[in-house]
Amino acid sequence: MNFKVILQSVGATWVVNIMLLIVGFVLLVKGADFFVDGAAGIAKKLKISTFIIGVTIVAIGTSAPELAVTIVDALKPDGGAVIVGNIIGSNALNILLILGISALICNLPSEKTTRMIDMPFLIFVSVLFLVLGVFVGPFEFGHTAGGQLYLDAVMNWVCGLILIVLYVAFMVYNILLAKKQSKAQLEQAVAVSVTAGDEAVISDDGLKWYQKFDPWYEKMQAKTWFLIVIAVFGLGMVVIGAQLVVDSATVVAENLLHIPTEIVAMTVVAFGTSLPELITSVSAAKKGDVGIATGNIIGSNIANILLIGGVGALCTGSRGIPFTMEGMVGGIVSVAAALLIFSFTVGSKSKSLGKVAGAVMLTCFAVYYTFIFLNQYALHFYLPSGTAEFISQSIFNV
C-alpha cells in the first residue's frame, strides 16, 4: 500500500496529507482499542488470568500504534528514519507532557516496586538504547568546517535482538511478580483493561439511537465470533492507519516543509501514536487512579524502547536503523526525563510527583521542542539528518 499524495497544487497537497494524517491517527487509536477488546475478551474466555492479559495483550495494545508505524517504516526499502524519532519522541512526550499534565491534576504516588525496580530499569534501557544506537554499529561523529556537529550511525539487527531479549525478560519478571500477589488484588487492578461483557445487564430504555451503541457493544462482547471479528478488524485498522501516518508524514516533511522526516516523527507522529497513553493517563488521574497513570507511562516507555526498537532493528535487517544527531539529542533528553521523574519521586517525602514536578516537566517539554525547531531554522548547532552528503556512505554497509 502507498498513500503518498503529491498534487500539482501545494495547498491541495497540504490539505489532503493533513487529512490523511488525522485519519491515520484515528484508525491507529480506535483500531488498537478494538484489537485489545477482542483479544482480551478471547483470552478471558480461554480462562487466562486477567493480569496476564493486562501485561501482554493490553500492554502491547497500547503500544500498537508505535509498533505498527515502526514495522511499516522498517519494511520500506529506504525506510527507518521514522523509527528512532517515533520512539524517542513518544518517550519524551509520555514523561514530560503526559505525566506533567497528570501531575498537575493530582499527586501521583508511586509504589515501592515502581521506584526501586521499574524506574531504574527505564533509566537503564534508555541509556542502553542511546549507546546501542550511537556506538555499537558503524558510526561517524565529528563536526564540519563551520563547526556543526554531525552523526551518522546505524543500530543493527544484533542490537534489536538484545532489546527483544530484554523485553521478554521484563515480561517474565512481571508475570512472576504477579504470582506473588493475591489473585483478588490482581483481578481488581486490571479490571479496567478488560471488558466484562458476560455479566453486564444494561437497559436501552430512554436512550437515543446514538447512545445505544455502547450498551450494544458491551453485550456483543459476550459472543466469541464478535470478539474475533473486532480483533481482526482492529488489527486491520492499525495497519492501514500506520501506513497513512508514515506516508503522509513523509510527504509533509520532505515535500512540503523540507525538513528531516525524523523531526516530524519526533513531534507530529510521536504525539499521534502517544494518544492512547495520553487519554489513559489523564483520564486515570482525573478519576484518582494514580497508579494506572504512572505505571502506564513507565511501562509504555519501556515497551517503546525494547519492543518497538527491537522489532524495528530486526525488520530493517542488514540495513539497520539510521541514528542521527536528532536521535542522539532526543536520546539524551529521554534519559534526562527518566532521571527527572525518578529524582522527583524518590526525593519527595510523599514519594510522589506533585504540581511542582508537573510544572517542571511541562517546562522541559516546551524547552526541548522549541530547541528542535530553533536548531533546524536558526541555531544550526548540528546538521539535520540527510544533509551530510560528504560523509562516506560505506559506513552503512553493515
Protein backbone atom coordinates (compact mmCIF):
# COMPACT_ATOMS: atom_id res chain seq x y z
CA MET A 1 0.00 0.00 0.00
CA ASN A 2 1.15 3.51 -0.80
CA PHE A 3 -0.79 6.54 0.42
CA LYS A 4 1.67 9.23 -0.63
CA VAL A 5 -0.29 12.02 -2.33
CA ILE A 6 1.58 14.80 -4.11
CA LEU A 7 -0.61 17.10 -6.20
CA GLN A 8 0.26 19.95 -8.53
CA SER A 9 -1.17 22.46 -6.07
CA VAL A 10 0.88 22.87 -2.88
CA GLY A 11 -2.21 23.96 -0.97
CA ALA A 12 -4.17 20.91 -2.06
CA THR A 13 -1.22 18.66 -1.13
CA TRP A 14 -1.18 20.21 2.35
CA VAL A 15 -4.91 19.71 2.89
CA VAL A 16 -5.01 16.13 1.60
CA ASN A 17 -1.97 14.97 3.59
CA ILE A 18 -3.09 16.62 6.83
CA MET A 19 -6.47 14.92 6.42
CA LEU A 20 -4.78 11.58 5.74
CA LEU A 21 -2.57 12.09 8.81
CA ILE A 22 -5.61 12.73 11.02
CA VAL A 23 -7.49 9.74 9.58
CA GLY A 24 -4.39 7.61 10.18
CA PHE A 25 -4.21 8.64 13.84
CA VAL A 26 -7.92 7.90 14.34
CA LEU A 27 -7.52 4.45 12.78
CA LEU A 28 -4.45 3.76 14.94
CA VAL A 29 -6.12 4.71 18.23
CA LYS A 30 -9.54 3.15 17.61
CA GLY A 31 -8.02 0.11 15.91
CA ALA A 32 -5.85 -0.52 18.97
CA ASP A 33 -8.96 -0.26 21.17
CA PHE A 34 -10.88 -2.80 19.08
CA PHE A 35 -7.88 -5.14 18.94
CA VAL A 36 -7.40 -5.04 22.72
CA ASP A 37 -11.12 -5.57 23.39
CA GLY A 38 -11.28 -8.54 21.03
CA ALA A 39 -8.00 -10.20 22.01
CA ALA A 40 -8.54 -9.66 25.74
CA GLY A 41 -12.10 -10.97 25.51
CA ILE A 42 -10.96 -14.13 23.69
CA ALA A 43 -8.18 -14.67 26.25
CA LYS A 44 -10.66 -14.28 29.08
CA LYS A 45 -12.96 -16.89 27.55
CA LEU A 46 -9.95 -19.23 27.45
CA LYS A 47 -9.68 -18.73 31.24
CA ILE A 48 -6.39 -16.85 31.01
CA SER A 49 -5.65 -14.67 34.07
CA THR A 50 -6.71 -11.07 33.63
CA PHE A 51 -3.33 -9.93 34.90
CA ILE A 52 -1.56 -11.95 32.19
CA ILE A 53 -3.95 -10.34 29.70
CA GLY A 54 -3.06 -6.94 31.13
CA VAL A 55 0.72 -7.28 30.94
CA THR A 56 0.69 -8.88 27.49
CA ILE A 57 -2.27 -8.12 25.22
CA VAL A 58 -3.28 -4.80 26.81
CA ALA A 59 0.31 -3.62 27.26
CA ILE A 60 1.16 -4.42 23.65
CA GLY A 61 -2.19 -2.97 22.54
CA THR A 62 -1.36 0.48 23.95
CA SER A 63 1.94 0.32 22.06
CA ALA A 64 0.26 -0.96 18.88
CA PRO A 65 0.33 2.46 17.13
CA GLU A 66 4.09 2.84 17.64
CA LEU A 67 4.66 -0.82 16.72
CA ALA A 68 2.60 -0.60 13.52
CA VAL A 69 4.28 2.64 12.40
CA THR A 70 7.69 1.08 13.10
CA ILE A 71 7.04 -2.11 11.11
CA VAL A 72 5.54 -0.22 8.15
CA ASP A 73 8.50 2.16 8.01
CA ALA A 74 11.12 -0.56 8.60
CA LEU A 75 9.87 -2.70 5.72
CA LYS A 76 10.21 0.12 3.19
CA PRO A 77 13.38 -0.19 1.07
CA ASP A 78 14.50 3.29 2.12
CA GLY A 79 12.68 3.35 5.46
CA GLY A 80 13.91 3.64 9.02
CA ALA A 81 14.02 7.40 9.57
CA VAL A 82 10.66 7.42 11.39
CA ILE A 83 11.58 4.68 13.89
CA VAL A 84 14.07 6.40 16.22
CA GLY A 85 12.20 9.70 16.13
CA ASN A 86 8.92 7.96 16.96
CA ILE A 87 10.40 6.04 19.91
CA ILE A 88 12.32 8.94 21.40
CA GLY A 89 9.61 11.49 20.67
CA SER A 90 6.93 9.25 22.23
CA ASN A 91 9.02 8.69 25.36
CA ALA A 92 9.70 12.40 25.82
CA LEU A 93 6.01 13.18 25.28
CA ASN A 94 4.93 10.43 27.67
CA ILE A 95 7.01 11.70 30.58
CA LEU A 96 7.32 15.45 30.05
CA LEU A 97 3.86 16.16 28.63
CA ILE A 98 1.50 13.37 29.74
CA LEU A 99 2.92 12.82 33.24
CA GLY A 100 3.37 16.58 33.55
CA ILE A 101 -0.32 17.21 32.86
CA SER A 102 -1.36 14.29 35.10
CA ALA A 103 0.79 15.58 37.97
CA LEU A 104 -0.85 19.00 37.73
CA ILE A 105 -4.27 17.35 38.06
CA CYS A 106 -3.35 15.42 41.21
CA ASN A 107 -0.36 14.00 43.08
CA LEU A 108 0.94 10.77 41.52
CA PRO A 109 2.30 8.50 44.27
CA SER A 110 4.44 5.51 43.32
CA GLU A 111 4.69 2.02 44.76
CA LYS A 112 7.98 0.77 46.17
CA THR A 113 8.50 -1.70 43.32
CA THR A 114 7.96 1.12 40.81
CA ARG A 115 10.59 3.29 42.49
CA MET A 116 13.10 0.54 43.12
CA ILE A 117 12.64 -1.63 40.00
CA ASP A 118 10.66 -0.07 37.15
CA MET A 119 12.09 3.47 37.20
CA PRO A 120 15.75 2.38 37.45
CA PHE A 121 15.09 -0.18 34.69
CA LEU A 122 13.62 2.57 32.49
CA ILE A 123 16.75 4.67 33.07
CA PHE A 124 18.95 1.66 32.23
CA VAL A 125 17.17 0.80 28.95
CA SER A 126 17.07 4.49 27.95
CA VAL A 127 20.86 4.69 28.32
CA LEU A 128 21.26 1.32 26.59
CA PHE A 129 19.18 2.41 23.60
CA LEU A 130 21.36 5.51 23.22
CA VAL A 131 24.60 3.51 23.47
CA LEU A 132 23.42 0.83 21.03
CA GLY A 133 22.27 3.47 18.56
CA VAL A 134 25.39 5.61 18.64
CA PHE A 135 28.37 3.35 19.39
CA VAL A 136 27.69 -0.33 18.62
CA GLY A 137 27.02 -0.28 14.88
CA PRO A 138 29.12 1.57 12.26
CA PHE A 139 29.17 5.28 13.05
CA GLU A 140 30.93 8.51 12.22
CA PHE A 141 30.86 11.50 14.55
CA GLY A 142 32.53 14.87 14.07
CA HIS A 143 31.98 18.46 13.02
CA THR A 144 32.02 20.38 9.77
CA ALA A 145 34.32 23.22 8.83
CA GLY A 146 31.57 25.56 10.02
CA GLY A 147 31.52 23.94 13.46
CA GLN A 148 28.27 22.00 13.10
CA LEU A 149 28.22 18.59 14.73
CA TYR A 150 27.08 15.59 12.74
CA LEU A 151 26.41 11.94 13.49
CA ASP A 152 25.73 9.14 11.04
CA ALA A 153 25.29 5.83 12.84
CA VAL A 154 23.34 2.60 12.49
CA MET A 155 21.51 0.45 15.04
CA ASN A 156 21.86 -3.03 13.54
CA TRP A 157 19.82 -6.21 13.96
CA VAL A 158 22.08 -7.53 16.72
CA CYS A 159 21.10 -4.52 18.83
CA GLY A 160 17.47 -5.28 18.04
CA LEU A 161 17.89 -8.85 19.26
CA ILE A 162 19.38 -7.61 22.53
CA LEU A 163 16.40 -5.30 23.06
CA ILE A 164 13.87 -8.06 22.33
CA VAL A 165 15.56 -10.44 24.80
CA LEU A 166 15.42 -7.76 27.49
CA TYR A 167 11.74 -7.15 26.73
CA VAL A 168 10.94 -10.85 27.12
CA ALA A 169 12.86 -10.86 30.43
CA PHE A 170 10.88 -7.82 31.58
CA MET A 171 7.59 -9.53 30.71
CA VAL A 172 8.64 -12.71 32.55
CA TYR A 173 9.56 -10.60 35.59
CA ASN A 174 6.10 -9.00 35.60
CA ILE A 175 4.38 -12.38 35.38
CA LEU A 176 6.48 -13.88 38.18
CA LEU A 177 5.87 -10.81 40.33
CA ALA A 178 2.14 -11.19 39.76
CA LYS A 179 2.15 -14.71 41.15
CA LYS A 180 3.39 -13.39 44.48
CA GLN A 181 0.40 -11.10 44.85
CA SER A 182 -3.09 -12.12 45.81
CA LYS A 183 -5.41 -13.14 42.98
CA ALA A 184 -8.13 -10.82 44.25
CA GLN A 185 -5.86 -7.77 44.03
CA LEU A 186 -4.75 -8.70 40.53
CA GLU A 187 -8.28 -9.15 39.27
CA GLN A 188 -9.27 -5.74 40.64
CA ALA A 189 -6.11 -3.97 39.43
CA VAL A 190 -6.53 -4.82 35.77
CA ALA A 191 -10.30 -4.96 35.57
CA VAL A 192 -10.17 -1.52 33.95
CA SER A 193 -8.29 -3.03 31.00
CA VAL A 194 -10.64 -5.90 30.20
CA THR A 195 -14.35 -5.60 29.45
CA ALA A 196 -16.50 -7.98 31.46
CA GLY A 197 -19.33 -8.19 28.99
CA ASP A 198 -20.50 -11.60 30.22
CA GLU A 199 -22.10 -10.21 33.36
CA ALA A 200 -23.33 -6.83 32.12
CA VAL A 201 -27.04 -6.17 32.18
CA ILE A 202 -27.79 -2.82 30.56
CA SER A 203 -31.12 -1.28 29.75
CA ASP A 204 -31.55 0.61 26.50
CA ASP A 205 -34.77 2.27 27.62
CA GLY A 206 -34.81 6.04 27.20
CA LEU A 207 -31.57 6.17 25.22
CA LYS A 208 -31.32 7.91 21.86
CA TRP A 209 -30.18 5.84 18.88
CA TYR A 210 -26.55 7.00 19.04
CA GLN A 211 -26.44 6.39 22.82
CA LYS A 212 -27.34 2.74 22.38
CA PHE A 213 -24.05 1.80 20.71
CA ASP A 214 -22.01 1.35 23.91
CA PRO A 215 -24.56 -0.93 25.65
CA TRP A 216 -24.94 -2.92 22.42
CA TYR A 217 -21.16 -3.18 22.04
CA GLU A 218 -20.74 -4.47 25.59
CA LYS A 219 -23.47 -7.07 25.11
CA MET A 220 -21.94 -8.28 21.83
CA GLN A 221 -18.57 -8.90 23.54
CA ALA A 222 -20.17 -11.91 25.18
CA LYS A 223 -20.10 -13.60 21.74
CA THR A 224 -16.85 -15.27 20.69
CA TRP A 225 -17.40 -14.68 16.96
CA PHE A 226 -17.82 -10.95 17.60
CA LEU A 227 -14.58 -10.82 19.61
CA ILE A 228 -12.71 -12.46 16.72
CA VAL A 229 -14.25 -10.01 14.23
CA ILE A 230 -13.32 -6.88 16.20
CA ALA A 231 -9.80 -8.20 16.91
CA VAL A 232 -9.16 -8.79 13.20
CA PHE A 233 -10.92 -5.57 12.23
CA GLY A 234 -8.94 -3.60 14.81
CA LEU A 235 -5.65 -5.05 13.61
CA GLY A 236 -6.54 -4.09 10.04
CA MET A 237 -7.33 -0.53 11.16
CA VAL A 238 -3.96 -0.30 12.92
CA VAL A 239 -2.05 -1.50 9.84
CA ILE A 240 -3.84 0.89 7.45
CA GLY A 241 -3.60 3.75 9.95
CA ALA A 242 0.15 3.21 10.32
CA GLN A 243 0.61 3.28 6.55
CA LEU A 244 -1.37 6.52 6.32
CA VAL A 245 0.63 8.14 9.12
CA VAL A 246 4.04 7.15 7.73
CA ASP A 247 3.27 8.15 4.14
CA SER A 248 1.51 11.45 4.90
CA ALA A 249 4.13 12.45 7.50
CA THR A 250 6.90 11.72 4.99
CA VAL A 251 5.23 13.90 2.34
CA VAL A 252 4.73 16.74 4.83
CA ALA A 253 8.35 16.54 5.98
CA GLU A 254 10.19 16.05 2.71
CA ASN A 255 7.98 17.68 0.09
CA LEU A 256 6.22 20.49 1.98
CA LEU A 257 8.34 21.56 4.95
CA HIS A 258 11.68 20.33 3.56
CA ILE A 259 12.83 19.16 6.98
CA PRO A 260 14.16 15.74 8.06
CA THR A 261 11.49 13.08 8.43
CA GLU A 262 12.96 12.25 11.84
CA ILE A 263 11.87 15.65 13.22
CA VAL A 264 8.29 15.09 12.07
CA ALA A 265 8.48 11.63 13.67
CA MET A 266 9.65 13.15 16.96
CA THR A 267 6.82 15.66 17.00
CA VAL A 268 3.68 15.01 14.96
CA VAL A 269 3.96 11.22 14.65
CA ALA A 270 5.10 10.80 18.26
CA PHE A 271 2.15 12.84 19.52
CA GLY A 272 -0.33 10.90 17.42
CA THR A 273 0.95 7.48 18.46
CA SER A 274 1.02 8.59 22.13
CA LEU A 275 -2.70 9.42 22.13
CA PRO A 276 -3.67 6.11 23.86
CA GLU A 277 -1.24 6.84 26.71
CA LEU A 278 -2.40 10.46 26.91
CA ILE A 279 -6.08 9.52 27.11
CA THR A 280 -5.48 6.67 29.58
CA SER A 281 -3.19 8.59 31.96
CA VAL A 282 -5.12 11.86 32.08
CA SER A 283 -8.41 10.01 32.48
CA ALA A 284 -6.93 7.86 35.26
CA ALA A 285 -5.54 10.93 37.03
CA LYS A 286 -8.93 12.67 36.91
CA LYS A 287 -10.59 9.57 38.40
CA GLY A 288 -7.92 9.25 41.08
CA ASP A 289 -6.46 6.01 39.65
CA VAL A 290 -2.97 7.44 40.08
CA GLY A 291 -1.20 4.08 39.97
CA ILE A 292 -2.50 3.49 36.46
CA ALA A 293 -1.41 6.97 35.33
CA THR A 294 2.23 6.47 36.39
CA GLY A 295 2.53 2.76 35.65
CA ASN A 296 1.03 3.19 32.18
CA ILE A 297 3.70 5.71 31.17
CA ILE A 298 6.67 3.83 32.62
CA GLY A 299 5.53 0.53 31.10
CA SER A 300 4.83 2.17 27.76
CA ASN A 301 8.27 3.80 27.62
CA ILE A 302 9.99 0.51 28.41
CA ALA A 303 7.93 -1.20 25.69
CA ASN A 304 8.74 1.58 23.21
CA ILE A 305 12.47 1.13 23.69
CA LEU A 306 12.70 -2.64 23.96
CA LEU A 307 9.79 -3.92 21.86
CA ILE A 308 9.43 -1.16 19.27
CA GLY A 309 13.16 -0.53 18.98
CA GLY A 310 13.95 -4.24 18.86
CA VAL A 311 11.33 -5.06 16.24
CA GLY A 312 12.37 -2.04 14.17
CA ALA A 313 16.04 -3.05 14.14
CA LEU A 314 15.19 -6.65 13.26
CA CYS A 315 12.77 -5.66 10.48
CA THR A 316 15.33 -3.41 8.78
CA GLY A 317 17.72 -6.38 8.60
CA SER A 318 21.24 -5.68 7.41
CA ARG A 319 20.31 -2.08 6.57
CA GLY A 320 19.75 -1.17 10.21
CA ILE A 321 18.06 1.88 11.73
CA PRO A 322 19.71 5.24 10.94
CA PHE A 323 20.73 7.07 14.10
CA THR A 324 21.49 10.79 13.65
CA MET A 325 22.12 13.82 15.85
CA GLU A 326 18.37 14.25 16.31
CA GLY A 327 18.28 10.73 17.72
CA MET A 328 21.29 11.32 19.94
CA VAL A 329 19.94 14.60 21.37
CA GLY A 330 16.48 13.08 21.80
CA GLY A 331 18.01 10.03 23.47
CA ILE A 332 19.82 12.23 25.97
CA VAL A 333 16.56 14.07 26.68
CA SER A 334 14.76 10.72 27.22
CA VAL A 335 17.42 9.65 29.74
CA ALA A 336 17.17 13.03 31.49
CA ALA A 337 13.35 12.76 31.61
CA ALA A 338 13.57 9.29 33.21
CA LEU A 339 16.09 10.62 35.75
CA LEU A 340 13.80 13.60 36.40
CA ILE A 341 10.76 11.58 37.44
CA PHE A 342 12.96 9.21 39.47
CA SER A 343 14.59 12.06 41.39
CA PHE A 344 11.29 13.88 42.00
CA THR A 345 9.62 10.68 43.20
CA VAL A 346 12.43 9.34 45.40
CA GLY A 347 13.36 12.81 46.65
CA SER A 348 9.90 13.81 47.86
CA LYS A 349 8.60 12.91 51.32
CA SER A 350 5.37 11.56 49.86
CA LYS A 351 7.25 9.58 47.17
CA SER A 352 5.03 11.13 44.52
CA LEU A 353 5.00 13.51 41.58
CA GLY A 354 3.29 16.73 42.61
CA LYS A 355 2.36 20.01 40.96
CA VAL A 356 5.92 21.37 41.12
CA ALA A 357 7.20 18.28 39.32
CA GLY A 358 4.41 18.62 36.75
CA ALA A 359 5.27 22.27 36.10
CA VAL A 360 8.98 21.44 35.70
CA MET A 361 8.23 18.59 33.28
CA LEU A 362 5.95 20.75 31.12
CA THR A 363 8.59 23.50 31.07
CA CYS A 364 11.24 20.99 29.97
CA PHE A 365 8.87 19.74 27.27
CA ALA A 366 8.39 23.27 25.90
CA VAL A 367 12.14 24.00 26.01
CA TYR A 368 13.06 20.75 24.24
CA TYR A 369 10.61 21.11 21.38
CA THR A 370 11.45 24.79 20.98
CA PHE A 371 15.12 23.82 20.70
CA ILE A 372 14.37 21.22 18.00
CA PHE A 373 12.88 23.82 15.67
CA LEU A 374 15.30 26.61 16.59
CA ASN A 375 18.21 24.34 15.71
CA GLN A 376 16.57 23.46 12.40
CA TYR A 377 15.89 27.04 11.32
CA ALA A 378 18.19 29.35 13.31
CA LEU A 379 20.82 27.88 15.66
CA HIS A 380 22.29 25.09 13.49
CA PHE A 381 24.28 23.50 16.32
CA TYR A 382 24.21 20.21 14.47
CA LEU A 383 23.45 19.09 10.93
CA PRO A 384 19.94 17.81 10.23
CA SER A 385 19.82 14.17 9.15
CA GLY A 386 20.39 13.59 5.46
CA THR A 387 22.41 16.77 4.84
CA ALA A 388 25.93 15.44 5.45
CA GLU A 389 26.43 14.40 1.84
CA PHE A 390 30.17 14.48 2.18
CA ILE A 391 30.15 11.58 4.64
CA SER A 392 31.04 8.26 3.08
CA GLN A 393 28.06 6.03 2.54
CA SER A 394 30.24 2.99 3.12
CA ILE A 395 29.61 3.14 6.86
CA PHE A 396 26.06 1.95 6.24
CA ASN A 397 27.16 -1.34 4.68
CA VAL A 398 26.52 -3.34 7.84
